[in-house]
N, C-alpha and C. Protein backbone atom coordinates (compact mmCIF):
# COMPACT_ATOMS: atom_id res chain seq x y z
N MET A 1 0.86 -1.19 0.00
CA MET A 1 0.00 0.00 0.00
C MET A 1 0.89 1.24 0.00
N THR A 2 0.65 2.14 -0.93
CA THR A 2 1.45 3.35 -1.06
C THR A 2 0.78 4.51 -0.33
N PHE A 3 1.50 5.11 0.60
CA PHE A 3 0.99 6.26 1.34
C PHE A 3 1.40 7.52 0.59
N VAL A 4 0.40 8.27 0.13
CA VAL A 4 0.64 9.43 -0.73
C VAL A 4 0.33 10.72 -0.01
N VAL A 5 1.32 11.60 0.05
CA VAL A 5 1.13 12.94 0.60
C VAL A 5 1.01 13.91 -0.57
N GLY A 6 -0.14 14.55 -0.69
CA GLY A 6 -0.33 15.53 -1.75
C GLY A 6 0.20 16.88 -1.30
N LEU A 7 1.20 17.38 -2.01
CA LEU A 7 1.80 18.67 -1.68
C LEU A 7 1.27 19.73 -2.63
N THR A 8 0.74 20.80 -2.07
CA THR A 8 0.17 21.85 -2.90
C THR A 8 0.42 23.21 -2.27
N GLY A 9 -0.01 24.25 -2.94
CA GLY A 9 0.17 25.61 -2.45
C GLY A 9 0.01 26.57 -3.61
N GLY A 10 -0.18 27.83 -3.30
CA GLY A 10 -0.34 28.83 -4.35
C GLY A 10 0.95 29.03 -5.13
N ILE A 11 0.84 29.67 -6.29
CA ILE A 11 2.01 29.97 -7.09
C ILE A 11 2.99 30.81 -6.27
N GLY A 12 4.26 30.46 -6.34
CA GLY A 12 5.27 31.22 -5.61
C GLY A 12 5.39 30.86 -4.15
N SER A 13 4.65 29.86 -3.69
CA SER A 13 4.70 29.50 -2.27
C SER A 13 5.96 28.72 -1.91
N GLY A 14 6.58 28.10 -2.91
CA GLY A 14 7.80 27.34 -2.65
C GLY A 14 7.62 25.84 -2.66
N LYS A 15 6.66 25.35 -3.43
CA LYS A 15 6.38 23.92 -3.48
C LYS A 15 7.60 23.11 -3.91
N SER A 16 8.30 23.57 -4.94
CA SER A 16 9.44 22.81 -5.46
C SER A 16 10.57 22.72 -4.44
N ILE A 17 10.82 23.81 -3.72
CA ILE A 17 11.87 23.80 -2.71
C ILE A 17 11.54 22.82 -1.60
N VAL A 18 10.29 22.80 -1.18
CA VAL A 18 9.87 21.87 -0.14
C VAL A 18 9.95 20.43 -0.64
N ALA A 19 9.50 20.20 -1.87
CA ALA A 19 9.57 18.85 -2.44
C ALA A 19 11.02 18.38 -2.51
N ASP A 20 11.92 19.27 -2.90
CA ASP A 20 13.35 18.92 -2.96
C ASP A 20 13.88 18.55 -1.57
N ALA A 21 13.39 19.22 -0.54
CA ALA A 21 13.83 18.92 0.82
C ALA A 21 13.41 17.51 1.23
N PHE A 22 12.21 17.10 0.83
CA PHE A 22 11.78 15.72 1.10
C PHE A 22 12.64 14.74 0.31
N ALA A 23 12.93 15.07 -0.94
CA ALA A 23 13.76 14.19 -1.76
C ALA A 23 15.14 14.00 -1.15
N GLU A 24 15.69 15.06 -0.56
CA GLU A 24 17.00 14.98 0.09
C GLU A 24 16.98 14.03 1.28
N ARG A 25 15.80 13.76 1.81
CA ARG A 25 15.65 12.83 2.93
C ARG A 25 15.28 11.43 2.45
N GLY A 26 15.46 11.18 1.16
CA GLY A 26 15.23 9.85 0.61
C GLY A 26 13.80 9.53 0.24
N ILE A 27 12.97 10.56 0.13
CA ILE A 27 11.55 10.35 -0.17
C ILE A 27 11.30 10.51 -1.66
N ASP A 28 10.55 9.58 -2.23
CA ASP A 28 10.20 9.66 -3.65
C ASP A 28 9.25 10.82 -3.88
N VAL A 29 9.48 11.57 -4.95
CA VAL A 29 8.66 12.73 -5.29
C VAL A 29 8.20 12.62 -6.74
N THR A 30 6.92 12.80 -6.96
CA THR A 30 6.35 12.89 -8.31
C THR A 30 5.77 14.28 -8.45
N ASP A 31 6.31 15.04 -9.39
CA ASP A 31 5.89 16.43 -9.61
C ASP A 31 5.08 16.50 -10.89
N THR A 32 3.82 16.87 -10.78
CA THR A 32 2.96 16.87 -11.96
C THR A 32 3.35 17.97 -12.96
N ASP A 33 3.95 19.05 -12.49
CA ASP A 33 4.44 20.06 -13.44
C ASP A 33 5.55 19.49 -14.31
N ARG A 34 6.44 18.71 -13.69
CA ARG A 34 7.51 18.05 -14.46
C ARG A 34 6.92 17.08 -15.47
N LEU A 35 5.92 16.32 -15.04
CA LEU A 35 5.28 15.37 -15.95
C LEU A 35 4.63 16.11 -17.12
N ALA A 36 3.94 17.23 -16.82
CA ALA A 36 3.28 18.00 -17.87
C ALA A 36 4.29 18.52 -18.88
N HIS A 37 5.44 18.96 -18.38
CA HIS A 37 6.47 19.48 -19.28
C HIS A 37 6.95 18.38 -20.22
N GLY A 38 7.16 17.19 -19.67
CA GLY A 38 7.60 16.08 -20.50
C GLY A 38 6.55 15.64 -21.50
N LEU A 39 5.30 15.64 -21.10
CA LEU A 39 4.21 15.20 -21.98
C LEU A 39 3.96 16.16 -23.13
N THR A 40 4.42 17.41 -22.98
CA THR A 40 4.21 18.40 -24.04
C THR A 40 5.50 18.74 -24.78
N ALA A 41 6.50 17.88 -24.62
CA ALA A 41 7.73 18.04 -25.41
C ALA A 41 7.49 17.54 -26.83
N PRO A 42 8.22 18.04 -27.81
CA PRO A 42 8.04 17.57 -29.20
C PRO A 42 8.11 16.05 -29.30
N GLY A 43 7.17 15.49 -30.03
CA GLY A 43 7.13 14.04 -30.21
C GLY A 43 6.24 13.33 -29.20
N GLN A 44 5.81 14.04 -28.16
CA GLN A 44 4.95 13.43 -27.15
C GLN A 44 3.49 13.68 -27.47
N VAL A 45 2.62 12.82 -26.93
CA VAL A 45 1.20 12.90 -27.28
C VAL A 45 0.58 14.23 -26.87
N GLY A 46 0.96 14.76 -25.71
CA GLY A 46 0.39 16.01 -25.27
C GLY A 46 0.75 17.17 -26.18
N TYR A 47 1.96 17.14 -26.71
CA TYR A 47 2.42 18.17 -27.64
C TYR A 47 1.52 18.22 -28.87
N ALA A 48 1.28 17.07 -29.45
CA ALA A 48 0.45 17.00 -30.66
C ALA A 48 -0.99 17.45 -30.37
N LEU A 49 -1.52 17.04 -29.23
CA LEU A 49 -2.91 17.39 -28.90
C LEU A 49 -3.06 18.88 -28.63
N VAL A 50 -2.07 19.48 -27.97
CA VAL A 50 -2.15 20.91 -27.70
C VAL A 50 -2.10 21.72 -28.99
N LEU A 51 -1.21 21.36 -29.89
CA LEU A 51 -1.11 22.08 -31.15
C LEU A 51 -2.36 21.86 -32.01
N GLU A 52 -2.93 20.67 -31.92
CA GLU A 52 -4.16 20.40 -32.66
C GLU A 52 -5.30 21.29 -32.15
N ALA A 53 -5.33 21.49 -30.84
CA ALA A 53 -6.42 22.27 -30.24
C ALA A 53 -6.21 23.77 -30.36
N PHE A 54 -4.96 24.23 -30.30
CA PHE A 54 -4.70 25.67 -30.23
C PHE A 54 -4.04 26.24 -31.48
N GLY A 55 -3.50 25.39 -32.33
CA GLY A 55 -2.93 25.87 -33.58
C GLY A 55 -1.41 25.99 -33.54
N THR A 56 -0.82 26.01 -34.72
CA THR A 56 0.64 26.03 -34.83
C THR A 56 1.24 27.39 -34.44
N ALA A 57 0.40 28.39 -34.20
CA ALA A 57 0.92 29.68 -33.72
C ALA A 57 1.56 29.52 -32.35
N PHE A 58 1.26 28.44 -31.67
CA PHE A 58 1.83 28.21 -30.34
C PHE A 58 3.06 27.31 -30.41
N ARG A 59 3.61 27.13 -31.60
CA ARG A 59 4.86 26.39 -31.76
C ARG A 59 5.98 27.36 -32.06
N ARG A 60 7.06 27.27 -31.30
CA ARG A 60 8.20 28.15 -31.48
C ARG A 60 9.02 27.71 -32.71
N PRO A 61 9.88 28.60 -33.23
CA PRO A 61 10.69 28.24 -34.40
C PRO A 61 11.53 26.97 -34.20
N ASP A 62 11.93 26.71 -32.94
CA ASP A 62 12.75 25.51 -32.70
C ASP A 62 11.89 24.25 -32.55
N GLY A 63 10.57 24.38 -32.72
CA GLY A 63 9.67 23.24 -32.67
C GLY A 63 9.04 22.97 -31.32
N THR A 64 9.53 23.64 -30.28
CA THR A 64 8.94 23.44 -28.95
C THR A 64 7.68 24.29 -28.79
N LEU A 65 6.89 23.96 -27.78
CA LEU A 65 5.71 24.76 -27.48
C LEU A 65 6.13 26.14 -26.97
N ASP A 66 5.39 27.15 -27.39
CA ASP A 66 5.60 28.49 -26.85
C ASP A 66 4.81 28.56 -25.55
N ARG A 67 5.45 28.12 -24.46
CA ARG A 67 4.75 27.98 -23.19
C ARG A 67 4.30 29.33 -22.62
N ALA A 68 5.12 30.35 -22.81
CA ALA A 68 4.75 31.68 -22.30
C ALA A 68 3.50 32.19 -23.00
N ARG A 69 3.44 32.00 -24.31
CA ARG A 69 2.27 32.46 -25.06
C ARG A 69 1.03 31.64 -24.69
N LEU A 70 1.21 30.34 -24.52
CA LEU A 70 0.09 29.48 -24.15
C LEU A 70 -0.40 29.83 -22.75
N ARG A 71 0.53 30.09 -21.82
CA ARG A 71 0.14 30.47 -20.47
C ARG A 71 -0.67 31.76 -20.48
N ALA A 72 -0.21 32.73 -21.25
CA ALA A 72 -0.93 34.00 -21.33
C ALA A 72 -2.33 33.80 -21.88
N ARG A 73 -2.45 32.90 -22.85
CA ARG A 73 -3.76 32.65 -23.47
C ARG A 73 -4.72 32.01 -22.47
N VAL A 74 -4.27 30.99 -21.78
CA VAL A 74 -5.20 30.24 -20.94
C VAL A 74 -5.57 31.00 -19.67
N PHE A 75 -4.69 31.88 -19.20
CA PHE A 75 -5.05 32.64 -18.01
C PHE A 75 -5.89 33.86 -18.33
N ALA A 76 -6.01 34.16 -19.63
CA ALA A 76 -6.87 35.26 -20.05
C ALA A 76 -8.21 34.77 -20.58
N ASP A 77 -8.35 33.45 -20.74
CA ASP A 77 -9.52 32.88 -21.40
C ASP A 77 -9.91 31.60 -20.67
N ASP A 78 -11.01 31.64 -19.92
CA ASP A 78 -11.44 30.48 -19.14
C ASP A 78 -11.72 29.27 -20.01
N ASP A 79 -12.32 29.49 -21.19
CA ASP A 79 -12.62 28.38 -22.08
C ASP A 79 -11.35 27.71 -22.57
N ALA A 80 -10.34 28.53 -22.88
CA ALA A 80 -9.07 27.97 -23.34
C ALA A 80 -8.41 27.17 -22.22
N ARG A 81 -8.49 27.67 -21.00
CA ARG A 81 -7.88 26.94 -19.89
C ARG A 81 -8.60 25.62 -19.66
N THR A 82 -9.91 25.64 -19.74
CA THR A 82 -10.68 24.40 -19.58
C THR A 82 -10.31 23.39 -20.66
N ARG A 83 -10.14 23.88 -21.89
CA ARG A 83 -9.78 22.99 -23.00
C ARG A 83 -8.39 22.38 -22.80
N LEU A 84 -7.45 23.21 -22.35
CA LEU A 84 -6.10 22.71 -22.11
C LEU A 84 -6.08 21.68 -20.99
N GLU A 85 -6.80 21.97 -19.92
CA GLU A 85 -6.85 21.03 -18.81
C GLU A 85 -7.49 19.70 -19.21
N ALA A 86 -8.50 19.76 -20.06
CA ALA A 86 -9.15 18.54 -20.52
C ALA A 86 -8.19 17.67 -21.32
N ILE A 87 -7.24 18.30 -22.00
CA ILE A 87 -6.25 17.57 -22.76
C ILE A 87 -5.19 16.96 -21.85
N LEU A 88 -4.66 17.79 -20.96
CA LEU A 88 -3.47 17.39 -20.22
C LEU A 88 -3.74 16.63 -18.93
N HIS A 89 -4.80 16.97 -18.21
CA HIS A 89 -4.98 16.37 -16.89
C HIS A 89 -5.12 14.85 -16.92
N PRO A 90 -5.87 14.26 -17.87
CA PRO A 90 -5.91 12.79 -17.89
C PRO A 90 -4.54 12.17 -18.16
N LEU A 91 -3.77 12.79 -19.05
CA LEU A 91 -2.42 12.29 -19.35
C LEU A 91 -1.52 12.39 -18.12
N ILE A 92 -1.62 13.49 -17.41
CA ILE A 92 -0.80 13.69 -16.21
C ILE A 92 -1.18 12.69 -15.12
N ARG A 93 -2.48 12.47 -14.92
CA ARG A 93 -2.92 11.51 -13.91
C ARG A 93 -2.39 10.12 -14.21
N GLU A 94 -2.44 9.71 -15.47
CA GLU A 94 -1.95 8.38 -15.85
C GLU A 94 -0.44 8.28 -15.62
N ALA A 95 0.29 9.31 -16.01
CA ALA A 95 1.74 9.30 -15.84
C ALA A 95 2.12 9.29 -14.36
N ALA A 96 1.38 10.05 -13.55
CA ALA A 96 1.65 10.08 -12.11
C ALA A 96 1.38 8.72 -11.48
N ALA A 97 0.28 8.10 -11.86
CA ALA A 97 -0.06 6.78 -11.31
C ALA A 97 1.02 5.76 -11.64
N ARG A 98 1.54 5.81 -12.86
CA ARG A 98 2.61 4.88 -13.25
C ARG A 98 3.86 5.12 -12.41
N GLU A 99 4.19 6.39 -12.21
CA GLU A 99 5.40 6.70 -11.44
C GLU A 99 5.25 6.29 -9.99
N ILE A 100 4.07 6.50 -9.43
CA ILE A 100 3.84 6.16 -8.03
C ILE A 100 4.02 4.66 -7.78
N THR A 101 3.67 3.84 -8.74
CA THR A 101 3.84 2.38 -8.56
C THR A 101 5.30 2.00 -8.41
N GLY A 102 6.20 2.89 -8.82
CA GLY A 102 7.63 2.61 -8.70
C GLY A 102 8.28 3.19 -7.46
N TRP A 103 7.50 3.87 -6.63
CA TRP A 103 8.06 4.43 -5.40
C TRP A 103 8.58 3.31 -4.49
N THR A 104 9.69 3.58 -3.81
CA THR A 104 10.25 2.60 -2.87
C THR A 104 10.43 3.16 -1.46
N SER A 105 10.22 4.46 -1.27
CA SER A 105 10.36 5.06 0.06
C SER A 105 9.12 4.76 0.91
N PRO A 106 9.20 4.96 2.23
CA PRO A 106 8.08 4.61 3.11
C PRO A 106 6.77 5.32 2.73
N TYR A 107 6.87 6.50 2.19
CA TYR A 107 5.74 7.25 1.66
C TYR A 107 6.28 8.08 0.52
N GLY A 108 5.39 8.75 -0.20
CA GLY A 108 5.86 9.58 -1.31
C GLY A 108 5.12 10.90 -1.33
N ILE A 109 5.74 11.85 -2.03
CA ILE A 109 5.18 13.19 -2.18
C ILE A 109 4.69 13.35 -3.61
N LEU A 110 3.41 13.70 -3.77
CA LEU A 110 2.82 13.99 -5.07
C LEU A 110 2.56 15.50 -5.12
N VAL A 111 3.32 16.20 -5.95
CA VAL A 111 3.20 17.66 -6.04
C VAL A 111 2.16 18.01 -7.09
N VAL A 112 1.07 18.64 -6.67
CA VAL A 112 -0.02 19.01 -7.57
C VAL A 112 -0.44 20.45 -7.26
N PRO A 113 -0.09 21.42 -8.10
CA PRO A 113 -0.45 22.81 -7.82
C PRO A 113 -1.95 23.02 -7.61
N LEU A 114 -2.78 22.32 -8.38
CA LEU A 114 -4.23 22.50 -8.28
C LEU A 114 -4.90 21.30 -7.61
N LEU A 115 -4.23 20.73 -6.64
CA LEU A 115 -4.76 19.53 -5.95
C LEU A 115 -6.14 19.77 -5.37
N LEU A 116 -6.34 20.88 -4.69
CA LEU A 116 -7.61 21.16 -4.04
C LEU A 116 -8.64 21.74 -5.00
N GLU A 117 -8.17 22.48 -6.00
CA GLU A 117 -9.09 23.07 -6.97
C GLU A 117 -9.74 22.02 -7.86
N ARG A 118 -9.06 20.91 -8.10
CA ARG A 118 -9.55 19.89 -9.03
C ARG A 118 -9.94 18.59 -8.33
N ALA A 119 -10.32 18.69 -7.07
CA ALA A 119 -10.81 17.53 -6.31
C ALA A 119 -9.79 16.40 -6.23
N GLY A 120 -8.52 16.76 -6.29
CA GLY A 120 -7.48 15.74 -6.23
C GLY A 120 -7.21 15.23 -4.84
N ALA A 121 -7.72 15.94 -3.83
CA ALA A 121 -7.46 15.52 -2.44
C ALA A 121 -8.00 14.13 -2.15
N SER A 122 -9.01 13.72 -2.89
CA SER A 122 -9.59 12.39 -2.67
C SER A 122 -8.64 11.27 -3.09
N ARG A 123 -7.59 11.62 -3.84
CA ARG A 123 -6.65 10.60 -4.33
C ARG A 123 -5.38 10.52 -3.50
N VAL A 124 -5.31 11.30 -2.41
CA VAL A 124 -4.12 11.28 -1.56
C VAL A 124 -4.53 10.97 -0.12
N ASP A 125 -3.55 10.54 0.68
CA ASP A 125 -3.83 10.19 2.07
C ASP A 125 -3.70 11.39 3.01
N ARG A 126 -2.96 12.39 2.56
CA ARG A 126 -2.67 13.55 3.41
C ARG A 126 -2.45 14.76 2.52
N VAL A 127 -2.93 15.92 2.92
CA VAL A 127 -2.74 17.15 2.15
C VAL A 127 -1.80 18.07 2.91
N LEU A 128 -0.65 18.37 2.29
CA LEU A 128 0.32 19.30 2.85
C LEU A 128 0.29 20.58 2.03
N VAL A 129 -0.03 21.70 2.68
CA VAL A 129 -0.07 22.99 2.01
C VAL A 129 1.17 23.79 2.38
N VAL A 130 1.90 24.24 1.36
CA VAL A 130 3.01 25.17 1.57
C VAL A 130 2.41 26.57 1.50
N ASP A 131 2.64 27.34 2.54
CA ASP A 131 1.94 28.62 2.68
C ASP A 131 2.89 29.79 2.88
N CYS A 132 2.48 30.93 2.33
CA CYS A 132 3.13 32.20 2.60
C CYS A 132 2.14 33.31 2.25
N PRO A 133 2.35 34.53 2.74
CA PRO A 133 1.43 35.64 2.43
C PRO A 133 1.39 35.92 0.93
N GLU A 134 0.26 36.43 0.47
CA GLU A 134 0.08 36.67 -0.95
C GLU A 134 1.10 37.66 -1.51
N GLU A 135 1.47 38.68 -0.73
CA GLU A 135 2.44 39.64 -1.24
C GLU A 135 3.81 38.98 -1.45
N VAL A 136 4.10 37.97 -0.65
CA VAL A 136 5.36 37.22 -0.83
C VAL A 136 5.28 36.39 -2.10
N GLN A 137 4.13 35.76 -2.35
CA GLN A 137 3.94 35.01 -3.59
C GLN A 137 4.21 35.90 -4.80
N ILE A 138 3.59 37.06 -4.81
CA ILE A 138 3.70 37.96 -5.96
C ILE A 138 5.16 38.37 -6.18
N ARG A 139 5.84 38.71 -5.10
CA ARG A 139 7.23 39.14 -5.22
C ARG A 139 8.11 38.01 -5.75
N ARG A 140 7.93 36.81 -5.23
CA ARG A 140 8.76 35.69 -5.66
C ARG A 140 8.55 35.35 -7.13
N VAL A 141 7.29 35.34 -7.56
CA VAL A 141 7.01 34.99 -8.95
C VAL A 141 7.54 36.06 -9.89
N ALA A 142 7.40 37.32 -9.51
CA ALA A 142 7.91 38.42 -10.33
C ALA A 142 9.42 38.31 -10.48
N GLN A 143 10.11 37.98 -9.40
CA GLN A 143 11.56 37.85 -9.45
C GLN A 143 11.98 36.64 -10.27
N ARG A 144 11.22 35.56 -10.16
CA ARG A 144 11.57 34.31 -10.82
C ARG A 144 11.24 34.31 -12.31
N SER A 145 10.06 34.82 -12.63
CA SER A 145 9.55 34.68 -13.99
C SER A 145 9.43 35.99 -14.76
N GLY A 146 9.60 37.11 -14.07
CA GLY A 146 9.49 38.39 -14.75
C GLY A 146 8.07 38.79 -15.07
N LEU A 147 7.10 38.13 -14.46
CA LEU A 147 5.70 38.48 -14.71
C LEU A 147 5.34 39.74 -13.93
N SER A 148 4.39 40.48 -14.45
CA SER A 148 3.92 41.68 -13.76
C SER A 148 3.03 41.28 -12.60
N ASP A 149 2.80 42.23 -11.68
CA ASP A 149 1.89 41.95 -10.56
C ASP A 149 0.52 41.52 -11.08
N ALA A 150 0.05 42.18 -12.14
CA ALA A 150 -1.27 41.86 -12.69
C ALA A 150 -1.31 40.44 -13.23
N GLU A 151 -0.23 40.02 -13.89
CA GLU A 151 -0.18 38.66 -14.45
C GLU A 151 -0.15 37.63 -13.33
N VAL A 152 0.60 37.90 -12.27
CA VAL A 152 0.65 36.96 -11.14
C VAL A 152 -0.72 36.88 -10.47
N ARG A 153 -1.36 38.03 -10.29
CA ARG A 153 -2.68 38.02 -9.66
C ARG A 153 -3.71 37.28 -10.52
N ALA A 154 -3.57 37.36 -11.84
CA ALA A 154 -4.49 36.63 -12.72
C ALA A 154 -4.34 35.12 -12.51
N ILE A 155 -3.10 34.67 -12.33
CA ILE A 155 -2.87 33.25 -12.07
C ILE A 155 -3.43 32.89 -10.69
N MET A 156 -3.18 33.73 -9.71
CA MET A 156 -3.68 33.47 -8.36
C MET A 156 -5.20 33.41 -8.32
N ALA A 157 -5.84 34.16 -9.20
CA ALA A 157 -7.31 34.18 -9.23
C ALA A 157 -7.90 32.85 -9.68
N THR A 158 -7.09 32.02 -10.34
CA THR A 158 -7.55 30.70 -10.77
C THR A 158 -7.35 29.65 -9.69
N GLN A 159 -6.70 30.04 -8.60
CA GLN A 159 -6.42 29.13 -7.51
C GLN A 159 -7.31 29.46 -6.31
N LEU A 160 -7.44 28.51 -5.40
CA LEU A 160 -8.23 28.75 -4.20
C LEU A 160 -7.67 29.93 -3.41
N PRO A 161 -8.52 30.73 -2.81
CA PRO A 161 -8.03 31.76 -1.90
C PRO A 161 -7.23 31.12 -0.77
N ARG A 162 -6.27 31.86 -0.27
CA ARG A 162 -5.37 31.32 0.75
C ARG A 162 -6.13 30.72 1.93
N ALA A 163 -7.14 31.42 2.43
CA ALA A 163 -7.87 30.95 3.60
C ALA A 163 -8.55 29.61 3.35
N GLN A 164 -9.11 29.43 2.16
CA GLN A 164 -9.77 28.16 1.84
C GLN A 164 -8.76 27.02 1.71
N ARG A 165 -7.60 27.35 1.13
CA ARG A 165 -6.56 26.32 0.98
C ARG A 165 -6.09 25.86 2.37
N LEU A 166 -5.87 26.80 3.27
CA LEU A 166 -5.42 26.45 4.62
C LEU A 166 -6.48 25.66 5.38
N ALA A 167 -7.74 25.99 5.15
CA ALA A 167 -8.82 25.30 5.86
C ALA A 167 -8.91 23.83 5.46
N ARG A 168 -8.44 23.50 4.28
CA ARG A 168 -8.54 22.12 3.79
C ARG A 168 -7.24 21.34 3.95
N ALA A 169 -6.25 21.95 4.57
CA ALA A 169 -4.96 21.28 4.76
C ALA A 169 -4.98 20.34 5.96
N ASP A 170 -4.30 19.21 5.82
CA ASP A 170 -4.03 18.36 6.98
C ASP A 170 -2.80 18.89 7.71
N ASP A 171 -1.84 19.39 6.93
CA ASP A 171 -0.60 19.92 7.48
C ASP A 171 -0.25 21.19 6.71
N VAL A 172 0.41 22.12 7.39
CA VAL A 172 0.82 23.38 6.76
C VAL A 172 2.31 23.60 7.03
N LEU A 173 3.05 23.91 5.98
CA LEU A 173 4.45 24.30 6.13
C LEU A 173 4.55 25.79 5.84
N ASP A 174 5.01 26.54 6.82
CA ASP A 174 5.12 27.99 6.70
C ASP A 174 6.40 28.34 5.96
N ASN A 175 6.27 28.86 4.76
CA ASN A 175 7.43 29.24 3.96
C ASN A 175 7.46 30.75 3.74
N SER A 176 7.09 31.49 4.76
CA SER A 176 7.11 32.94 4.65
C SER A 176 8.46 33.53 5.03
N GLY A 177 9.31 32.71 5.66
CA GLY A 177 10.59 33.20 6.13
C GLY A 177 11.75 32.72 5.29
N PRO A 178 12.94 32.65 5.88
CA PRO A 178 14.14 32.24 5.14
C PRO A 178 14.12 30.75 4.80
N LEU A 179 14.92 30.37 3.83
CA LEU A 179 14.98 28.97 3.41
C LEU A 179 15.40 28.05 4.55
N SER A 180 16.19 28.58 5.46
CA SER A 180 16.67 27.76 6.57
C SER A 180 15.54 27.28 7.47
N ALA A 181 14.39 27.95 7.39
CA ALA A 181 13.25 27.57 8.24
C ALA A 181 12.53 26.34 7.70
N ILE A 182 12.82 25.96 6.47
CA ILE A 182 12.13 24.82 5.87
C ILE A 182 12.59 23.50 6.45
N ALA A 183 13.90 23.36 6.67
CA ALA A 183 14.47 22.07 7.06
C ALA A 183 13.85 21.50 8.33
N THR A 184 13.73 22.31 9.36
CA THR A 184 13.18 21.83 10.62
C THR A 184 11.74 21.35 10.45
N GLN A 185 10.97 22.10 9.67
CA GLN A 185 9.57 21.71 9.44
C GLN A 185 9.48 20.42 8.64
N VAL A 186 10.34 20.28 7.63
CA VAL A 186 10.32 19.06 6.83
C VAL A 186 10.76 17.86 7.66
N ASP A 187 11.74 18.05 8.52
CA ASP A 187 12.16 16.95 9.40
C ASP A 187 10.99 16.45 10.25
N ALA A 188 10.23 17.38 10.82
CA ALA A 188 9.09 16.99 11.67
C ALA A 188 8.01 16.30 10.85
N LEU A 189 7.73 16.84 9.67
CA LEU A 189 6.71 16.23 8.81
C LEU A 189 7.15 14.86 8.32
N ASP A 190 8.42 14.72 8.02
CA ASP A 190 8.96 13.44 7.55
C ASP A 190 8.74 12.36 8.61
N GLN A 191 9.03 12.68 9.85
CA GLN A 191 8.81 11.71 10.92
C GLN A 191 7.33 11.38 11.07
N ARG A 192 6.48 12.38 10.96
CA ARG A 192 5.03 12.16 11.07
C ARG A 192 4.54 11.26 9.95
N TYR A 193 4.98 11.53 8.73
CA TYR A 193 4.51 10.75 7.59
C TYR A 193 5.04 9.31 7.62
N ARG A 194 6.26 9.14 8.09
CA ARG A 194 6.78 7.77 8.22
C ARG A 194 5.92 6.97 9.21
N ALA A 195 5.53 7.61 10.31
CA ALA A 195 4.71 6.93 11.30
C ALA A 195 3.32 6.63 10.76
N LEU A 196 2.72 7.61 10.06
CA LEU A 196 1.39 7.40 9.49
C LEU A 196 1.40 6.31 8.43
N ALA A 197 2.45 6.29 7.62
CA ALA A 197 2.54 5.27 6.57
C ALA A 197 2.71 3.88 7.19
N ALA A 198 3.51 3.78 8.23
CA ALA A 198 3.70 2.50 8.91
C ALA A 198 2.40 2.01 9.51
N ALA A 199 1.66 2.92 10.14
CA ALA A 199 0.39 2.55 10.75
C ALA A 199 -0.62 2.11 9.68
N ALA A 200 -0.64 2.82 8.55
CA ALA A 200 -1.57 2.47 7.47
C ALA A 200 -1.25 1.09 6.91
N ASN A 201 0.01 0.73 6.85
CA ASN A 201 0.39 -0.56 6.29
C ASN A 201 0.13 -1.72 7.24
N GLN A 202 -0.13 -1.41 8.49
CA GLN A 202 -0.42 -2.45 9.47
C GLN A 202 -1.91 -2.79 9.56
N ARG A 203 -2.73 -1.98 8.88
CA ARG A 203 -4.17 -2.20 8.94
C ARG A 203 -4.57 -3.44 8.15
């Protein structure tokens, strides 16, 4: 029996950094953003389906998807976002399920940015929310991706409000401070999840 911890949080909250911290402790991690990137690489089924749905204008001269242009399109157009999700989400779920069957650690981390928005919590044993204030999210994303405040807020508007996300969490990791504050929290969560996974396997 595989014990799955669903890791989620708003854009810029630090999900990848937290997931990496678990990986450093020997925990298997499946990141759905990584899977999505691979599925939409040239030659992959997701790549062909996206171009079929949105047109070759979203293909860069080097043959790769113009991800920035596609992101701008789907966050400005609800219908386009729904269409893209209908294409990619089933592929991502299948790829994640395959990867999870290969986990060997006592439990695993499944990173899903929209875990709570898309009713994914029913597919995991525990929900871990990485949290920080919204102004911190905006600053981090602007520094990382060069997006404007308005563009970051448009993305945030497609995600659950912070209060609702926290209300549905089983565990919360506070990532509002320095990176050094993550390690102690991950250590505590790692011990908790090892115990919960052991107990679940004894049932």
